[in-house]
């Protein structure tokens, strides 16, 4: 893949189901791609996207939770905005530590004037793994109605730290598939794995 020093990744979940929800997500995706092409912090990007979206949905029951992550491999830095979405998690195999990328923030489309806040870390290094996922992952249930939670997924990151992003992603879904054992999952399940190969290149899946 081509090397890009700055990469933006977004994972979101729309309220409701069906065609209208899909169209709303497509609208947010288009707005985000357009706004991200213009200079500005992650917070400025999401604040502007929210202001546009809220003009259409502020007085409805529609909203979108979103996690927006910007990776700068030249500076070795992460910048993110959490708009009501579950935090991403970063695994550092050198220290065997897991850091949830937390932060307060309202779902998109609720208040047009909401000002989002960026959060940053400047210690990105080769070998680190970042997982962005929707809550459907942690809330997947087995035939007994028990949720899988986050620990088994985080354990995959530890056990697969030497592998590539596609292999880690496959392992995550293999664990989920085995756990649910055919049980129907009502919520959306989306995951993105980022593996930092060097401070000037990343691989995503």
Protein backbone atom coordinates (compact mmCIF):
# COMPACT_ATOMS: atom_id res chain seq x y z
CA UNK A 1 0.00 0.00 0.00
CA UNK A 2 1.07 3.63 -0.45
CA UNK A 3 2.53 5.35 2.58
CA UNK A 4 0.61 8.30 3.97
CA UNK A 5 2.02 10.11 7.03
CA UNK A 6 -1.47 11.09 8.25
CA UNK A 7 -4.36 8.62 8.20
CA UNK A 8 -7.91 9.20 9.41
CA UNK A 9 -10.17 6.33 10.49
CA UNK A 10 -13.80 6.57 11.57
CA UNK A 11 -16.12 3.95 13.02
CA UNK A 12 -19.74 4.79 13.71
CA UNK A 13 -23.15 3.38 14.49
CA UNK A 14 -26.50 4.87 13.47
CA UNK A 15 -29.62 4.77 15.59
CA UNK A 16 -32.27 2.49 14.18
CA UNK A 17 -32.08 0.08 11.27
CA UNK A 18 -33.07 -0.12 7.64
CA UNK A 19 -32.71 2.04 4.56
CA UNK A 20 -33.11 5.41 6.31
CA UNK A 21 -30.29 4.59 8.73
CA UNK A 22 -28.06 3.43 5.89
CA UNK A 23 -28.70 6.66 4.00
CA UNK A 24 -27.91 8.70 7.10
CA UNK A 25 -24.60 6.92 7.55
CA UNK A 26 -23.76 7.47 3.88
CA UNK A 27 -24.46 11.18 4.34
CA UNK A 28 -22.19 11.40 7.38
CA UNK A 29 -19.46 9.45 5.57
CA UNK A 30 -19.56 11.84 2.63
CA UNK A 31 -19.54 14.90 4.91
CA UNK A 32 -16.65 13.52 6.92
CA UNK A 33 -14.54 12.74 3.86
CA UNK A 34 -15.16 16.20 2.45
CA UNK A 35 -14.43 18.07 5.68
CA UNK A 36 -11.35 15.98 6.46
CA UNK A 37 -9.80 17.10 3.17
CA UNK A 38 -9.64 20.65 4.57
CA UNK A 39 -7.06 21.63 7.23
CA UNK A 40 -8.23 21.50 10.83
CA UNK A 41 -7.96 19.47 14.01
CA UNK A 42 -9.97 16.30 14.56
CA UNK A 43 -12.25 18.28 16.88
CA UNK A 44 -12.85 20.94 14.22
CA UNK A 45 -13.66 18.27 11.65
CA UNK A 46 -16.26 16.54 13.83
CA UNK A 47 -17.71 19.83 15.11
CA UNK A 48 -18.34 20.96 11.52
CA UNK A 49 -19.78 17.61 10.43
CA UNK A 50 -22.12 17.63 13.44
CA UNK A 51 -23.32 21.17 12.73
CA UNK A 52 -24.33 20.16 9.20
CA UNK A 53 -25.94 16.90 10.27
CA UNK A 54 -27.94 18.50 13.07
CA UNK A 55 -29.66 20.81 10.61
CA UNK A 56 -31.44 17.73 9.25
CA UNK A 57 -31.89 15.50 12.30
CA UNK A 58 -31.73 17.68 15.44
CA UNK A 59 -35.48 17.46 16.09
CA UNK A 60 -35.85 13.83 15.12
CA UNK A 61 -34.86 10.67 16.98
CA UNK A 62 -31.92 10.05 14.62
CA UNK A 63 -28.29 10.31 15.72
CA UNK A 64 -24.91 8.72 15.09
CA UNK A 65 -22.27 7.71 17.58
CA UNK A 66 -18.77 7.98 16.12
CA UNK A 67 -15.11 7.48 16.94
CA UNK A 68 -12.72 9.48 14.75
CA UNK A 69 -9.00 8.72 14.93
CA UNK A 70 -6.14 10.53 13.20
CA UNK A 71 -2.76 8.79 13.07
CA UNK A 72 0.35 10.86 12.35
CA UNK A 73 3.28 8.51 11.78
CA UNK A 74 5.72 11.34 11.16
CA UNK A 75 5.22 12.72 14.65
CA UNK A 76 4.35 9.39 16.26
CA UNK A 77 1.06 10.83 17.49
CA UNK A 78 -2.60 9.93 17.83
CA UNK A 79 -5.46 12.42 17.87
CA UNK A 80 -9.06 11.38 18.37
CA UNK A 81 -12.61 12.53 19.03
CA UNK A 82 -15.14 10.34 20.79
CA UNK A 83 -18.70 11.29 19.89
CA UNK A 84 -20.68 8.95 22.13
CA UNK A 85 -18.97 5.86 20.73
CA UNK A 86 -17.09 3.16 22.61
CA UNK A 87 -13.40 4.14 22.96
CA UNK A 88 -10.77 2.60 20.75
CA UNK A 89 -8.04 0.63 22.51
CA UNK A 90 -4.29 0.65 21.95
CA UNK A 91 -2.11 -2.31 22.86
CA UNK A 92 1.61 -1.84 23.46
CA UNK A 93 3.37 -5.24 23.35
CA UNK A 94 6.59 -3.79 24.78
CA UNK A 95 4.92 -2.92 28.08
CA UNK A 96 1.99 -5.36 27.72
CA UNK A 97 -0.35 -2.45 28.41
CA UNK A 98 -3.82 -1.63 27.10
CA UNK A 99 -4.97 1.99 26.90
CA UNK A 100 -8.56 2.90 26.10
CA UNK A 101 -8.74 6.10 24.08
CA UNK A 102 -11.43 7.79 26.14
CA UNK A 103 -13.02 11.22 26.13
CA UNK A 104 -16.42 12.83 26.52
CA UNK A 105 -18.51 13.80 23.54
CA UNK A 106 -22.12 13.93 22.44
CA UNK A 107 -23.52 11.77 19.63
CA UNK A 108 -23.65 13.50 16.25
CA UNK A 109 -26.90 15.22 15.31
CA UNK A 110 -28.13 15.95 18.81
CA UNK A 111 -27.00 19.57 19.27
CA UNK A 112 -25.85 21.69 16.33
CA UNK A 113 -23.76 24.01 18.49
CA UNK A 114 -21.84 21.28 20.34
CA UNK A 115 -18.07 21.86 20.38
CA UNK A 116 -16.09 18.63 20.29
CA UNK A 117 -12.71 18.16 21.96
CA UNK A 118 -9.61 16.47 20.59
CA UNK A 119 -7.50 14.12 22.71
CA UNK A 120 -3.89 13.27 21.89
CA UNK A 121 -1.06 10.87 22.63
CA UNK A 122 2.46 11.35 21.32
CA UNK A 123 4.09 8.01 22.07
CA UNK A 124 3.03 5.97 19.03
CA UNK A 125 5.68 3.35 18.23
CA UNK A 126 6.32 0.37 16.00
CA UNK A 127 4.54 -2.80 17.07
CA UNK A 128 1.56 -1.09 18.69
CA UNK A 129 -1.95 -2.24 17.76
CA UNK A 130 -5.13 -0.18 17.75
CA UNK A 131 -8.62 -1.66 17.72
CA UNK A 132 -11.69 0.36 16.82
CA UNK A 133 -14.95 -1.53 17.20
CA UNK A 134 -18.68 -1.10 17.58
CA UNK A 135 -20.43 -2.18 20.77
CA UNK A 136 -21.88 -5.18 18.94
CA UNK A 137 -18.53 -6.88 19.47
CA UNK A 138 -18.54 -6.66 23.27
CA UNK A 139 -22.28 -7.34 23.49
CA UNK A 140 -22.28 -10.53 21.38
CA UNK A 141 -24.05 -13.28 23.33
CA UNK A 142 -23.58 -17.02 23.58
CA UNK A 143 -26.54 -19.46 23.58
CA UNK A 144 -26.95 -18.85 27.34
CA UNK A 145 -27.43 -15.11 26.81
CA UNK A 146 -24.05 -14.20 28.32
CA UNK A 147 -22.12 -11.36 26.71
CA UNK A 148 -18.53 -11.88 25.66
CA UNK A 149 -17.29 -8.55 27.05
CA UNK A 150 -13.97 -6.94 26.21
CA UNK A 151 -11.43 -9.16 27.96
CA UNK A 152 -11.47 -12.05 25.43
CA UNK A 153 -11.04 -9.56 22.57
CA UNK A 154 -8.20 -7.79 24.32
CA UNK A 155 -6.55 -11.15 24.91
CA UNK A 156 -6.51 -11.68 21.14
CA UNK A 157 -4.47 -8.49 20.77
CA UNK A 158 -1.94 -9.83 23.26
CA UNK A 159 -1.70 -13.28 21.72
CA UNK A 160 -1.54 -12.04 18.13
CA UNK A 161 0.79 -9.07 18.66
CA UNK A 162 3.44 -10.46 16.31
CA UNK A 163 0.97 -10.99 13.48
CA UNK A 164 -0.30 -8.68 10.74
CA UNK A 165 -3.42 -6.52 10.92
CA UNK A 166 -5.48 -8.87 8.68
CA UNK A 167 -4.47 -11.87 10.79
CA UNK A 168 -5.37 -10.10 14.02
CA UNK A 169 -8.73 -9.04 12.60
CA UNK A 170 -9.48 -12.61 11.53
CA UNK A 171 -8.59 -13.87 15.00
CA UNK A 172 -11.00 -11.39 16.60
CA UNK A 173 -13.87 -12.60 14.45
CA UNK A 174 -12.89 -16.24 14.96
CA UNK A 175 -13.21 -15.74 18.74
CA UNK A 176 -16.58 -14.05 18.28
CA UNK A 177 -17.87 -16.77 15.99
CA UNK A 178 -16.84 -19.50 18.41
CA UNK A 179 -18.38 -17.69 21.37
CA UNK A 180 -21.80 -16.97 19.85
CA UNK A 181 -21.93 -20.53 18.46
CA UNK A 182 -24.69 -19.75 15.99
CA UNK A 183 -26.62 -17.33 18.22
CA UNK A 184 -28.22 -14.53 16.23
CA UNK A 185 -26.59 -11.13 16.71
CA UNK A 186 -29.01 -8.22 16.44
CA UNK A 187 -26.47 -5.39 16.70
CA UNK A 188 -23.98 -4.39 14.02
CA UNK A 189 -20.46 -5.74 14.40
CA UNK A 190 -17.67 -3.66 12.87
CA UNK A 191 -13.98 -3.72 13.69
CA UNK A 192 -10.84 -2.04 12.38
CA UNK A 193 -7.33 -3.15 13.32
CA UNK A 194 -4.34 -0.85 12.91
CA UNK A 195 -0.84 -2.34 13.22
CA UNK A 196 2.08 0.09 13.38
CA UNK A 197 4.83 -1.52 11.32
CA UNK A 198 7.21 1.43 11.69
CA UNK A 199 6.92 5.03 12.75
CA UNK A 200 6.52 5.97 9.08
CA UNK A 201 4.11 3.28 7.92
CA UNK A 202 0.93 1.65 9.15
CA UNK A 203 -1.21 -1.21 7.92
CA UNK A 204 -4.99 -1.17 8.47
CA UNK A 205 -7.75 -3.72 7.97
